[in-house]
Each structure stands twice: as structure tokens, then as C-alpha cells.
PDB file of N, CA and C in Angstrom:
ATOM      1  N   MET A   1      25.186 -31.560   7.223  1.00  0.00           N
ATOM      2  CA  MET A   1      25.043 -29.991   7.471  1.00  0.00           C
ATOM      3  C   MET A   1      24.905 -30.019   8.979  1.00  0.00           C
ATOM      4  N   GLU A   2      24.004 -30.736   9.557  1.00  0.00           N
ATOM      5  CA  GLU A   2      23.759 -30.489  10.922  1.00  0.00           C
ATOM      6  C   GLU A   2      24.900 -30.565  12.052  1.00  0.00           C
ATOM      7  N   ASN A   3      25.818 -31.415  11.805  1.00  0.00           N
ATOM      8  CA  ASN A   3      26.894 -31.262  12.415  1.00  0.00           C
ATOM      9  C   ASN A   3      27.832 -30.002  12.133  1.00  0.00           C
ATOM     10  N   PHE A   4      27.653 -29.390  11.298  1.00  0.00           N
ATOM     11  CA  PHE A   4      28.756 -27.976  11.016  1.00  0.00           C
ATOM     12  C   PHE A   4      28.126 -27.030  11.795  1.00  0.00           C
ATOM     13  N   GLN A   5      28.758 -26.065  13.020  1.00  0.00           N
ATOM     14  CA  GLN A   5      28.322 -25.286  13.763  1.00  0.00           C
ATOM     15  C   GLN A   5      29.084 -24.056  13.272  1.00  0.00           C
ATOM     16  N   TRP A   6      28.401 -22.966  13.159  1.00  0.00           N
ATOM     17  CA  TRP A   6      28.814 -21.512  12.969  1.00  0.00           C
ATOM     18  C   TRP A   6      28.375 -20.754  14.369  1.00  0.00           C
ATOM     19  N   GLU A   7      29.323 -19.945  14.757  1.00  0.00           N
ATOM     20  CA  GLU A   7      29.054 -19.346  16.023  1.00  0.00           C
ATOM     21  C   GLU A   7      28.140 -18.391  16.042  1.00  0.00           C
ATOM     22  N   ILE A   8      27.961 -17.392  14.738  1.00  0.00           N
ATOM     23  CA  ILE A   8      26.951 -16.567  14.475  1.00  0.00           C
ATOM     24  C   ILE A   8      25.584 -17.314  14.938  1.00  0.00           C
ATOM     25  N   PHE A   9      25.011 -18.607  14.884  1.00  0.00           N
ATOM     26  CA  PHE A   9      23.652 -19.047  14.714  1.00  0.00           C
ATOM     27  C   PHE A   9      23.465 -19.177  16.258  1.00  0.00           C
ATOM     28  N   ASP A  10      24.777 -19.283  16.999  1.00  0.00           N
ATOM     29  CA  ASP A  10      24.428 -19.220  18.345  1.00  0.00           C
ATOM     30  C   ASP A  10      23.877 -18.297  18.974  1.00  0.00           C
ATOM     31  N   SER A  11      24.218 -17.027  18.274  1.00  0.00           N
ATOM     32  CA  SER A  11      24.104 -15.783  18.997  1.00  0.00           C
ATOM     33  C   SER A  11      22.738 -15.013  18.689  1.00  0.00           C
ATOM     34  N   ILE A  12      22.145 -15.653  17.661  1.00  0.00           N
ATOM     35  CA  ILE A  12      20.989 -15.269  17.040  1.00  0.00           C
ATOM     36  C   ILE A  12      19.675 -15.584  18.068  1.00  0.00           C
ATOM     37  N   ASN A  13      18.973 -14.521  18.553  1.00  0.00           N
ATOM     38  CA  ASN A  13      17.362 -14.832  19.020  1.00  0.00           C
ATOM     39  C   ASN A  13      16.536 -14.984  18.296  1.00  0.00           C
ATOM     40  N   ASN A  14      16.003 -15.938  17.397  1.00  0.00           N
ATOM     41  CA  ASN A  14      15.108 -16.270  16.675  1.00  0.00           C
ATOM     42  C   ASN A  14      13.957 -16.010  16.973  1.00  0.00           C
ATOM     43  N   ALA A  15      12.885 -15.326  16.159  1.00  0.00           N
ATOM     44  CA  ALA A  15      11.781 -14.996  16.334  1.00  0.00           C
ATOM     45  C   ALA A  15      10.599 -15.904  16.085  1.00  0.00           C
ATOM     46  N   CYS A  16       9.616 -15.998  17.245  1.00  0.00           N
ATOM     47  CA  CYS A  16       8.522 -17.047  17.098  1.00  0.00           C
ATOM     48  C   CYS A  16       7.880 -16.933  16.214  1.00  0.00           C
ATOM     49  N   ASN A  17       7.634 -15.881  15.349  1.00  0.00           N
ATOM     50  CA  ASN A  17       6.561 -16.010  14.094  1.00  0.00           C
ATOM     51  C   ASN A  17       7.607 -16.695  12.968  1.00  0.00           C
ATOM     52  N   VAL A  18       9.120 -16.380  12.800  1.00  0.00           N
ATOM     53  CA  VAL A  18       9.615 -17.312  11.728  1.00  0.00           C
ATOM     54  C   VAL A  18       9.421 -18.544  12.044  1.00  0.00           C
ATOM     55  N   THR A  19      10.064 -18.876  13.193  1.00  0.00           N
ATOM     56  CA  THR A  19       9.940 -20.080  13.582  1.00  0.00           C
ATOM     57  C   THR A  19       8.537 -21.174  13.283  1.00  0.00           C
ATOM     58  N   ALA A  20       7.666 -20.432  13.672  1.00  0.00           N
ATOM     59  CA  ALA A  20       6.348 -21.215  13.274  1.00  0.00           C
ATOM     60  C   ALA A  20       5.855 -20.991  11.853  1.00  0.00           C
ATOM     61  N   ALA A  21       6.275 -20.142  11.179  1.00  0.00           N
ATOM     62  CA  ALA A  21       5.989 -20.119   9.676  1.00  0.00           C
ATOM     63  C   ALA A  21       6.873 -21.134   8.925  1.00  0.00           C
ATOM     64  N   VAL A  22       7.958 -21.189   9.348  1.00  0.00           N
ATOM     65  CA  VAL A  22       8.865 -22.026   8.587  1.00  0.00           C
ATOM     66  C   VAL A  22       8.779 -23.534   9.225  1.00  0.00           C
ATOM     67  N   GLY A  23       8.292 -23.687  10.216  1.00  0.00           N
ATOM     68  CA  GLY A  23       8.018 -25.265  10.855  1.00  0.00           C
ATOM     69  C   GLY A  23       7.414 -26.062  10.264  1.00  0.00           C
ATOM     70  N   PHE A  24       6.664 -25.386   9.431  1.00  0.00           N
ATOM     71  CA  PHE A  24       5.493 -26.337   8.596  1.00  0.00           C
ATOM     72  C   PHE A  24       6.238 -27.144   7.442  1.00  0.00           C
ATOM     73  N   ALA A  25       7.569 -26.793   7.021  1.00  0.00           N
ATOM     74  CA  ALA A  25       8.192 -27.120   5.826  1.00  0.00           C
ATOM     75  C   ALA A  25       9.452 -27.920   6.473  1.00  0.00           C
ATOM     76  N   ALA A  26       9.935 -28.436   5.526  1.00  0.00           N
ATOM     77  CA  ALA A  26      11.270 -29.275   5.764  1.00  0.00           C
ATOM     78  C   ALA A  26      12.351 -28.608   5.643  1.00  0.00           C
ATOM     79  N   PHE A  27      12.478 -27.330   6.468  1.00  0.00           N
ATOM     80  CA  PHE A  27      13.813 -26.590   6.708  1.00  0.00           C
ATOM     81  C   PHE A  27      14.692 -26.946   7.881  1.00  0.00           C
ATOM     82  N   SER A  28      15.998 -26.779   7.408  1.00  0.00           N
ATOM     83  CA  SER A  28      16.804 -27.067   8.732  1.00  0.00           C
ATOM     84  C   SER A  28      16.828 -25.911   9.576  1.00  0.00           C
ATOM     85  N   ARG A  29      17.468 -25.816  10.702  1.00  0.00           N
ATOM     86  CA  ARG A  29      17.519 -24.789  11.515  1.00  0.00           C
ATOM     87  C   ARG A  29      18.374 -23.833  11.143  1.00  0.00           C
ATOM     88  N   TYR A  30      19.166 -23.775  10.186  1.00  0.00           N
ATOM     89  CA  TYR A  30      19.881 -22.850   9.452  1.00  0.00           C
ATOM     90  C   TYR A  30      19.053 -22.108   8.641  1.00  0.00           C
ATOM     91  N   ALA A  31      17.995 -22.587   7.903  1.00  0.00           N
ATOM     92  CA  ALA A  31      16.952 -21.708   7.147  1.00  0.00           C
ATOM     93  C   ALA A  31      16.066 -20.689   7.894  1.00  0.00           C
ATOM     94  N   LEU A  32      15.833 -21.540   9.327  1.00  0.00           N
ATOM     95  CA  LEU A  32      15.381 -20.376  10.382  1.00  0.00           C
ATOM     96  C   LEU A  32      16.031 -18.981  10.714  1.00  0.00           C
ATOM     97  N   TYR A  33      17.510 -19.384  11.072  1.00  0.00           N
ATOM     98  CA  TYR A  33      18.229 -18.547  11.208  1.00  0.00           C
ATOM     99  C   TYR A  33      18.437 -17.322   9.974  1.00  0.00           C
ATOM    100  N   GLY A  34      18.587 -18.005   8.894  1.00  0.00           N
ATOM    101  CA  GLY A  34      18.779 -17.052   7.654  1.00  0.00           C
ATOM    102  C   GLY A  34      17.562 -16.201   7.422  1.00  0.00           C
ATOM    103  N   THR A  35      16.343 -16.820   7.542  1.00  0.00           N
ATOM    104  CA  THR A  35      15.245 -15.955   7.336  1.00  0.00           C
ATOM    105  C   THR A  35      15.228 -14.713   8.442  1.00  0.00           C
ATOM    106  N   HIS A  36      15.477 -15.059   9.664  1.00  0.00           N
ATOM    107  CA  HIS A  36      15.447 -14.291  10.847  1.00  0.00           C
ATOM    108  C   HIS A  36      16.490 -13.153  10.617  1.00  0.00           C
ATOM    109  N   THR A  37      17.844 -13.368  10.261  1.00  0.00           N
ATOM    110  CA  THR A  37      18.739 -12.611   9.759  1.00  0.00           C
ATOM    111  C   THR A  37      18.635 -11.712   8.908  1.00  0.00           C
ATOM    112  N   LEU A  38      18.073 -12.075   7.742  1.00  0.00           N
ATOM    113  CA  LEU A  38      17.741 -11.157   6.762  1.00  0.00           C
ATOM    114  C   LEU A  38      16.450 -10.168   7.234  1.00  0.00           C
ATOM    115  N   GLN A  39      15.580 -10.441   7.894  1.00  0.00           N
ATOM    116  CA  GLN A  39      14.730  -9.570   8.450  1.00  0.00           C
ATOM    117  C   GLN A  39      15.437  -8.479   9.344  1.00  0.00           C
ATOM    118  N   LEU A  40      16.316  -8.893   9.850  1.00  0.00           N
ATOM    119  CA  LEU A  40      17.246  -8.070  10.633  1.00  0.00           C
ATOM    120  C   LEU A  40      18.142  -6.926   9.777  1.00  0.00           C
ATOM    121  N   LEU A  41      18.615  -7.729   8.911  1.00  0.00           N
ATOM    122  CA  LEU A  41      19.260  -6.823   7.561  1.00  0.00           C
ATOM    123  C   LEU A  41      18.367  -5.642   6.951  1.00  0.00           C
ATOM    124  N   LEU A  42      17.437  -6.317   6.887  1.00  0.00           N
ATOM    125  CA  LEU A  42      16.243  -5.184   6.081  1.00  0.00           C
ATOM    126  C   LEU A  42      15.946  -4.099   7.250  1.00  0.00           C
ATOM    127  N   ASN A  43      15.757  -4.496   8.357  1.00  0.00           N
ATOM    128  CA  ASN A  43      15.533  -3.257   9.060  1.00  0.00           C
ATOM    129  C   ASN A  43      16.380  -2.649   9.516  1.00  0.00           C
ATOM    130  N   LYS A  44      17.987  -3.003   9.567  1.00  0.00           N
ATOM    131  CA  LYS A  44      18.953  -2.238   9.848  1.00  0.00           C
ATOM    132  C   LYS A  44      19.116  -1.347   8.692  1.00  0.00           C
ATOM    133  N   GLY A  45      18.991  -1.704   7.378  1.00  0.00           N
ATOM    134  CA  GLY A  45      19.142  -0.905   5.996  1.00  0.00           C
ATOM    135  C   GLY A  45      18.248   0.133   6.173  1.00  0.00           C
ATOM    136  N   ILE A  46      16.668   0.009   6.614  1.00  0.00           N
ATOM    137  CA  ILE A  46      15.560   0.891   6.577  1.00  0.00           C
ATOM    138  C   ILE A  46      16.096   1.978   7.367  1.00  0.00           C
ATOM    139  N   SER A  47      16.501   1.726   8.383  1.00  0.00           N
ATOM    140  CA  SER A  47      16.769   2.493   9.591  1.00  0.00           C
ATOM    141  C   SER A  47      18.124   3.484   9.293  1.00  0.00           C
ATOM    142  N   GLU A  48      18.916   2.918   8.479  1.00  0.00           N
ATOM    143  CA  GLU A  48      20.281   3.543   8.088  1.00  0.00           C
ATOM    144  C   GLU A  48      20.022   4.512   6.857  1.00  0.00           C
ATOM    145  N   SER A  49      19.289   4.200   6.138  1.00  0.00           N
ATOM    146  CA  SER A  49      18.900   4.887   4.590  1.00  0.00           C
ATOM    147  C   SER A  49      17.910   6.150   4.760  1.00  0.00           C
ATOM    148  N   GLY A  50      17.444   6.432   6.124  1.00  0.00           N
ATOM    149  CA  GLY A  50      16.794   7.575   5.938  1.00  0.00           C
ATOM    150  C   GLY A  50      15.159   7.441   5.743  1.00  0.00           C
ATOM    151  N   LEU A  51      15.058   6.039   5.256  1.00  0.00           N
ATOM    152  CA  LEU A  51      13.488   5.778   4.938  1.00  0.00           C
ATOM    153  C   LEU A  51      12.623   5.992   6.319  1.00  0.00           C
ATOM    154  N   GLU A  52      13.255   5.522   7.734  1.00  0.00           N
ATOM    155  CA  GLU A  52      12.319   5.702   8.711  1.00  0.00           C
ATOM    156  C   GLU A  52      11.712   6.851   8.824  1.00  0.00           C
ATOM    157  N   VAL A  53      12.161   8.107   8.811  1.00  0.00           N
ATOM    158  CA  VAL A  53      11.466   9.235   8.682  1.00  0.00           C
ATOM    159  C   VAL A  53       9.882   9.010   7.649  1.00  0.00           C
ATOM    160  N   VAL A  54      10.189   8.766   6.499  1.00  0.00           N
ATOM    161  CA  VAL A  54       9.013   8.642   5.544  1.00  0.00           C
ATOM    162  C   VAL A  54       7.881   7.588   5.944  1.00  0.00           C
ATOM    163  N   LEU A  55       8.582   6.502   6.679  1.00  0.00           N
ATOM    164  CA  LEU A  55       7.643   5.411   7.037  1.00  0.00           C
ATOM    165  C   LEU A  55       7.097   5.782   8.502  1.00  0.00           C
ATOM    166  N   HIS A  56       7.837   6.718   9.265  1.00  0.00           N
ATOM    167  CA  HIS A  56       7.049   7.132  10.141  1.00  0.00           C
ATOM    168  C   HIS A  56       5.850   7.992   9.807  1.00  0.00           C
ATOM    169  N   LYS A  57       6.061   8.812   9.232  1.00  0.00           N
ATOM    170  CA  LYS A  57       4.819   9.939   8.646  1.00  0.00           C
ATOM    171  C   LYS A  57       3.791   8.722   7.938  1.00  0.00           C
ATOM    172  N   SER A  58       4.153   8.002   7.036  1.00  0.00           N
ATOM    173  CA  SER A  58       3.168   7.066   6.347  1.00  0.00           C
ATOM    174  C   SER A  58       2.275   6.287   7.867  1.00  0.00           C
ATOM    175  N   GLN A  59       3.035   5.894   8.555  1.00  0.00           N
ATOM    176  CA  GLN A  59       2.300   4.964   9.613  1.00  0.00           C
ATOM    177  C   GLN A  59       1.434   5.754  10.449  1.00  0.00           C
ATOM    178  N   LYS A  60       1.659   6.933  10.925  1.00  0.00           N
ATOM    179  CA  LYS A  60       0.876   8.106  11.563  1.00  0.00           C
ATOM    180  C   LYS A  60      -0.395   8.562  10.612  1.00  0.00           C
ATOM    181  N   ILE A  61      -0.164   8.685   9.356  1.00  0.00           N
ATOM    182  CA  ILE A  61      -1.390   9.071   8.275  1.00  0.00           C
ATOM    183  C   ILE A  61      -2.328   7.650   8.476  1.00  0.00           C
ATOM    184  N   VAL A  62      -1.771   6.675   7.997  1.00  0.00           N
ATOM    185  CA  VAL A  62      -2.501   5.441   7.979  1.00  0.00           C
ATOM    186  C   VAL A  62      -3.297   5.329   9.379  1.00  0.00           C
ATOM    187  N   GLY A  63      -2.454   5.098  10.438  1.00  0.00           N
ATOM    188  CA  GLY A  63      -3.031   5.196  11.827  1.00  0.00           C
ATOM    189  C   GLY A  63      -4.408   6.115  12.110  1.00  0.00           C
ATOM    190  N   HIS A  64      -3.937   7.255  11.565  1.00  0.00           N
ATOM    191  CA  HIS A  64      -5.188   8.325  11.797  1.00  0.00           C
ATOM    192  C   HIS A  64      -6.695   7.636  11.043  1.00  0.00           C
ATOM    193  N   PHE A  65      -6.460   7.164   9.946  1.00  0.00           N
ATOM    194  CA  PHE A  65      -7.650   6.780   9.135  1.00  0.00           C
ATOM    195  C   PHE A  65      -8.075   5.692   9.597  1.00  0.00           C
ATOM    196  N   LYS A  66      -7.268   4.693  10.123  1.00  0.00           N
ATOM    197  CA  LYS A  66      -7.725   3.337  10.723  1.00  0.00           C
ATOM    198  C   LYS A  66      -8.205   3.385  11.930  1.00  0.00           C
ATOM    199  N   HIS A  67      -8.244   4.612  12.791  1.00  0.00           N
ATOM    200  CA  HIS A  67      -8.874   4.983  13.955  1.00  0.00           C
ATOM    201  C   HIS A  67     -10.032   5.680  13.932  1.00  0.00           C
ATOM    202  N   SER A  68     -10.373   6.120  12.762  1.00  0.00           N
ATOM    203  CA  SER A  68     -11.558   7.109  12.624  1.00  0.00           C
ATOM    204  C   SER A  68     -12.869   6.565  11.344  1.00  0.00           C
ATOM    205  N   PRO A  69     -13.577   5.970  11.926  1.00  0.00           N
ATOM    206  CA  PRO A  69     -14.664   5.558  10.534  1.00  0.00           C
ATOM    207  C   PRO A  69     -14.992   6.827   9.720  1.00  0.00           C
ATOM    208  N   ALA A  70     -15.288   7.800  10.619  1.00  0.00           N
ATOM    209  CA  ALA A  70     -15.571   8.905   9.817  1.00  0.00           C
ATOM    210  C   ALA A  70     -14.320   9.744   8.532  1.00  0.00           C
ATOM    211  N   ASN A  71     -13.528   9.353   8.805  1.00  0.00           N
ATOM    212  CA  ASN A  71     -12.431   9.971   8.131  1.00  0.00           C
ATOM    213  C   ASN A  71     -12.098   9.123   7.107  1.00  0.00           C
ATOM    214  N   VAL A  72     -12.107   7.586   7.457  1.00  0.00           N
ATOM    215  CA  VAL A  72     -12.240   6.576   6.223  1.00  0.00           C
ATOM    216  C   VAL A  72     -13.439   7.048   5.163  1.00  0.00           C
ATOM    217  N   ALA A  73     -14.360   7.212   5.752  1.00  0.00           N
ATOM    218  CA  ALA A  73     -15.701   7.550   4.727  1.00  0.00           C
ATOM    219  C   ALA A  73     -15.643   8.871   4.027  1.00  0.00           C
ATOM    220  N   GLU A  74     -15.095   9.955   4.646  1.00  0.00           N
ATOM    221  CA  GLU A  74     -14.468  11.160   3.970  1.00  0.00           C
ATOM    222  C   GLU A  74     -13.483  10.942   2.970  1.00  0.00           C
ATOM    223  N   LEU A  75     -12.743  10.022   3.034  1.00  0.00           N
ATOM    224  CA  LEU A  75     -11.491   9.703   2.311  1.00  0.00           C
ATOM    225  C   LEU A  75     -12.292   8.995   1.032  1.00  0.00           C
ATOM    226  N   LYS A  76     -13.001   7.946   1.251  1.00  0.00           N
ATOM    227  CA  LYS A  76     -13.800   7.154   0.329  1.00  0.00           C
ATOM    228  C   LYS A  76     -14.518   8.305  -0.814  1.00  0.00           C
ATOM    229  N   LEU A  77     -15.412   9.298   0.119  1.00  0.00           N
ATOM    230  CA  LEU A  77     -15.945  10.382  -0.514  1.00  0.00           C
ATOM    231  C   LEU A  77     -15.207  11.227  -1.767  1.00  0.00           C
ATOM    232  N   GLN A  78     -14.193  11.634  -1.206  1.00  0.00           N
ATOM    233  CA  GLN A  78     -12.981  12.406  -1.898  1.00  0.00           C
ATOM    234  C   GLN A  78     -12.213  11.598  -2.975  1.00  0.00           C
ATOM    235  N   GLN A  79     -12.169  10.327  -2.756  1.00  0.00           N
ATOM    236  CA  GLN A  79     -11.663   9.690  -3.887  1.00  0.00           C
ATOM    237  C   GLN A  79     -12.944   9.319  -5.037  1.00  0.00           C
ATOM    238  N   SER A  80     -13.924   9.320  -4.372  1.00  0.00           N
ATOM    239  CA  SER A  80     -15.265   9.102  -5.336  1.00  0.00           C
ATOM    240  C   SER A  80     -15.487  10.165  -6.464  1.00  0.00           C
ATOM    241  N   GLN A  81     -15.290  11.792  -5.517  1.00  0.00           N
ATOM    242  CA  GLN A  81     -15.443  12.989  -6.378  1.00  0.00           C
ATOM    243  C   GLN A  81     -14.281  13.219  -7.235  1.00  0.00           C
ATOM    244  N   MET A  82     -13.256  12.861  -6.993  1.00  0.00           N
ATOM    245  CA  MET A  82     -12.082  13.048  -7.831  1.00  0.00           C
ATOM    246  C   MET A  82     -11.726  11.994  -8.933  1.00  0.00           C
ATOM    247  N   LYS A  83     -13.100  10.795  -9.031  1.00  0.00           N
ATOM    248  CA  LYS A  83     -13.006   9.713  -9.816  1.00  0.00           C
ATOM    249  C   LYS A  83     -12.073   9.127  -9.787  1.00  0.00           C
ATOM    250  N   MET A  84     -11.486   8.897  -8.952  1.00  0.00           N
ATOM    251  CA  MET A  84     -10.105   7.912  -8.361  1.00  0.00           C
ATOM    252  C   MET A  84     -10.800   6.606  -7.907  1.00  0.00           C
ATOM    253  N   THR A  85      -9.714   5.819  -7.906  1.00  0.00           N
ATOM    254  CA  THR A  85     -10.155   4.377  -7.732  1.00  0.00           C
ATOM    255  C   THR A  85     -10.005   4.275  -6.102  1.00  0.00           C
ATOM    256  N   GLU A  86     -11.083   3.833  -5.617  1.00  0.00           N
ATOM    257  CA  GLU A  86     -11.145   3.624  -4.007  1.00  0.00           C
ATOM    258  C   GLU A  86      -9.794   2.859  -3.598  1.00  0.00           C
ATOM    259  N   GLU A  87      -8.761   3.742  -2.960  1.00  0.00           N
ATOM    260  CA  GLU A  87      -7.769   2.761  -2.655  1.00  0.00           C
ATOM    261  C   GLU A  87      -8.141   2.159  -0.793  1.00  0.00           C
ATOM    262  N   VAL A  88      -7.460   1.132  -0.573  1.00  0.00           N
ATOM    263  CA  VAL A  88      -7.951   0.584   1.041  1.00  0.00           C
ATOM    264  C   VAL A  88      -6.530   1.150   1.564  1.00  0.00           C
ATOM    265  N   LEU A  89      -6.483   1.808   2.790  1.00  0.00           N
ATOM    266  CA  LEU A  89      -5.171   1.810   3.403  1.00  0.00           C
ATOM    267  C   LEU A  89      -4.526   0.801   3.999  1.00  0.00           C
ATOM    268  N   ILE A  90      -3.368   0.140   3.833  1.00  0.00           N
ATOM    269  CA  ILE A  90      -2.930  -0.766   4.976  1.00  0.00           C
ATOM    270  C   ILE A  90      -2.074  -0.505   5.773  1.00  0.00           C
ATOM    271  N   GLN A  91      -1.959  -0.696   7.024  1.00  0.00           N
ATOM    272  CA  GLN A  91      -0.982  -0.526   8.118  1.00  0.00           C
ATOM    273  C   GLN A  91       0.326  -1.540   8.041  1.00  0.00           C
ATOM    274  N   ASP A  92       0.986  -0.794   8.378  1.00  0.00           N
ATOM    275  CA  ASP A  92       2.412  -1.607   8.503  1.00  0.00           C
ATOM    276  C   ASP A  92       2.406  -2.573   9.558  1.00  0.00           C
ATOM    277  N   VAL A  93       2.478  -3.641   9.817  1.00  0.00           N
ATOM    278  CA  VAL A  93       2.676  -4.618  10.962  1.00  0.00           C
ATOM    279  C   VAL A  93       3.845  -5.166  10.917  1.00  0.00           C
ATOM    280  N   PRO A  94       4.767  -5.097  12.039  1.00  0.00           N
ATOM    281  CA  PRO A  94       6.209  -5.820  11.799  1.00  0.00           C
ATOM    282  C   PRO A  94       6.141  -7.262  11.440  1.00  0.00           C
ATOM    283  N   THR A  95       4.850  -7.877  12.201  1.00  0.00           N
ATOM    284  CA  THR A  95       4.944  -9.559  12.104  1.00  0.00           C
ATOM    285  C   THR A  95       4.474  -9.913  10.637  1.00  0.00           C
ATOM    286  N   ARG A  96       3.646  -8.792   9.969  1.00  0.00           N
ATOM    287  CA  ARG A  96       3.426  -9.077   8.580  1.00  0.00           C
ATOM    288  C   ARG A  96       4.235  -8.680   7.321  1.00  0.00           C
ATOM    289  N   TRP A  97       4.955  -9.673   6.788  1.00  0.00           N
ATOM    290  CA  TRP A  97       5.972  -9.445   5.989  1.00  0.00           C
ATOM    291  C   TRP A  97       5.360  -8.522   4.812  1.00  0.00           C
ATOM    292  N   ASN A  98       6.024  -7.728   4.394  1.00  0.00           N
ATOM    293  CA  ASN A  98       5.261  -7.066   2.636  1.00  0.00           C
ATOM    294  C   ASN A  98       4.433  -5.795   3.266  1.00  0.00           C
ATOM    295  N   SER A  99       3.969  -6.054   4.510  1.00  0.00           N
ATOM    296  CA  SER A  99       3.275  -4.677   4.920  1.00  0.00           C
ATOM    297  C   SER A  99       3.840  -3.440   4.649  1.00  0.00           C
ATOM    298  N   THR A 100       5.194  -3.095   4.942  1.00  0.00           N
ATOM    299  CA  THR A 100       5.748  -1.778   4.931  1.00  0.00           C
ATOM    300  C   THR A 100       5.624  -1.444   3.409  1.00  0.00           C
ATOM    301  N   LEU A 101       5.963  -2.376   2.404  1.00  0.00           N
ATOM    302  CA  LEU A 101       5.998  -1.898   1.148  1.00  0.00           C
ATOM    303  C   LEU A 101       4.575  -1.694   0.548  1.00  0.00           C
ATOM    304  N   GLN A 102       3.744  -2.528   1.326  1.00  0.00           N
ATOM    305  CA  GLN A 102       2.104  -2.095   0.656  1.00  0.00           C
ATOM    306  C   GLN A 102       1.349  -1.013   1.388  1.00  0.00           C
ATOM    307  N   MET A 103       2.070  -0.643   2.513  1.00  0.00           N
ATOM    308  CA  MET A 103       1.675   0.621   3.177  1.00  0.00           C
ATOM    309  C   MET A 103       1.926   2.108   2.281  1.00  0.00           C
ATOM    310  N   THR A 104       3.238   2.169   1.754  1.00  0.00           N
ATOM    311  CA  THR A 104       3.874   3.225   1.051  1.00  0.00           C
ATOM    312  C   THR A 104       3.222   3.015  -0.195  1.00  0.00           C
TER     313      THR A 104
END
């Protein structure tokens, strides 16, 4: 399989974090390109679906609380007074897979 060349693989600029994450396992270079291509497809799908607007608003809300300990304390107080489970806000980080899903 290593001798088999596809032009698409030559045109993809693979991300360093994907290379490092998969580098510990016995994957071929095609698996690296596949994971990066999958990430690019997911990003494209999010931007074309209209979810980008919702995600941007979510990022602003979470960012507001992450930069203000006083607001985090107020959020915890409000959750406690309303007898809600205290939820921790998760910030979306592009290099941390699944963080977008966890943020929403």
C-alpha cells in the first residue's frame, strides 16, 4: 500500500497535532491524511450548515465566564439557588477534538 500514490494526499498539508497524536501508533501516512481530511470535512460542514452562528455565540458566552471569576461565582450561586446541577462550562478549542460538542 505504501507504493500506491494518490494525488490528493500530496496536496493536503497535515496538521502537526494530528501527526503527533497518530505518530504513537502503527498507522501508515494515509491514516494521517485521512484523519486530517475528516477534520477539514467536519469544519466545512459546520460552516455551511449555519451552525457557525450558534457556535460563535456559544464561544462568546463561555469566553465571558472563563475570563471573569466573579461571573463564574455568580453562575454557581444561581445554579445552586435554582437547585440545578452545577455545570462547568467547557471552552471550544480547535486542537481539542470533541470540545465543540462539549461546549454546546
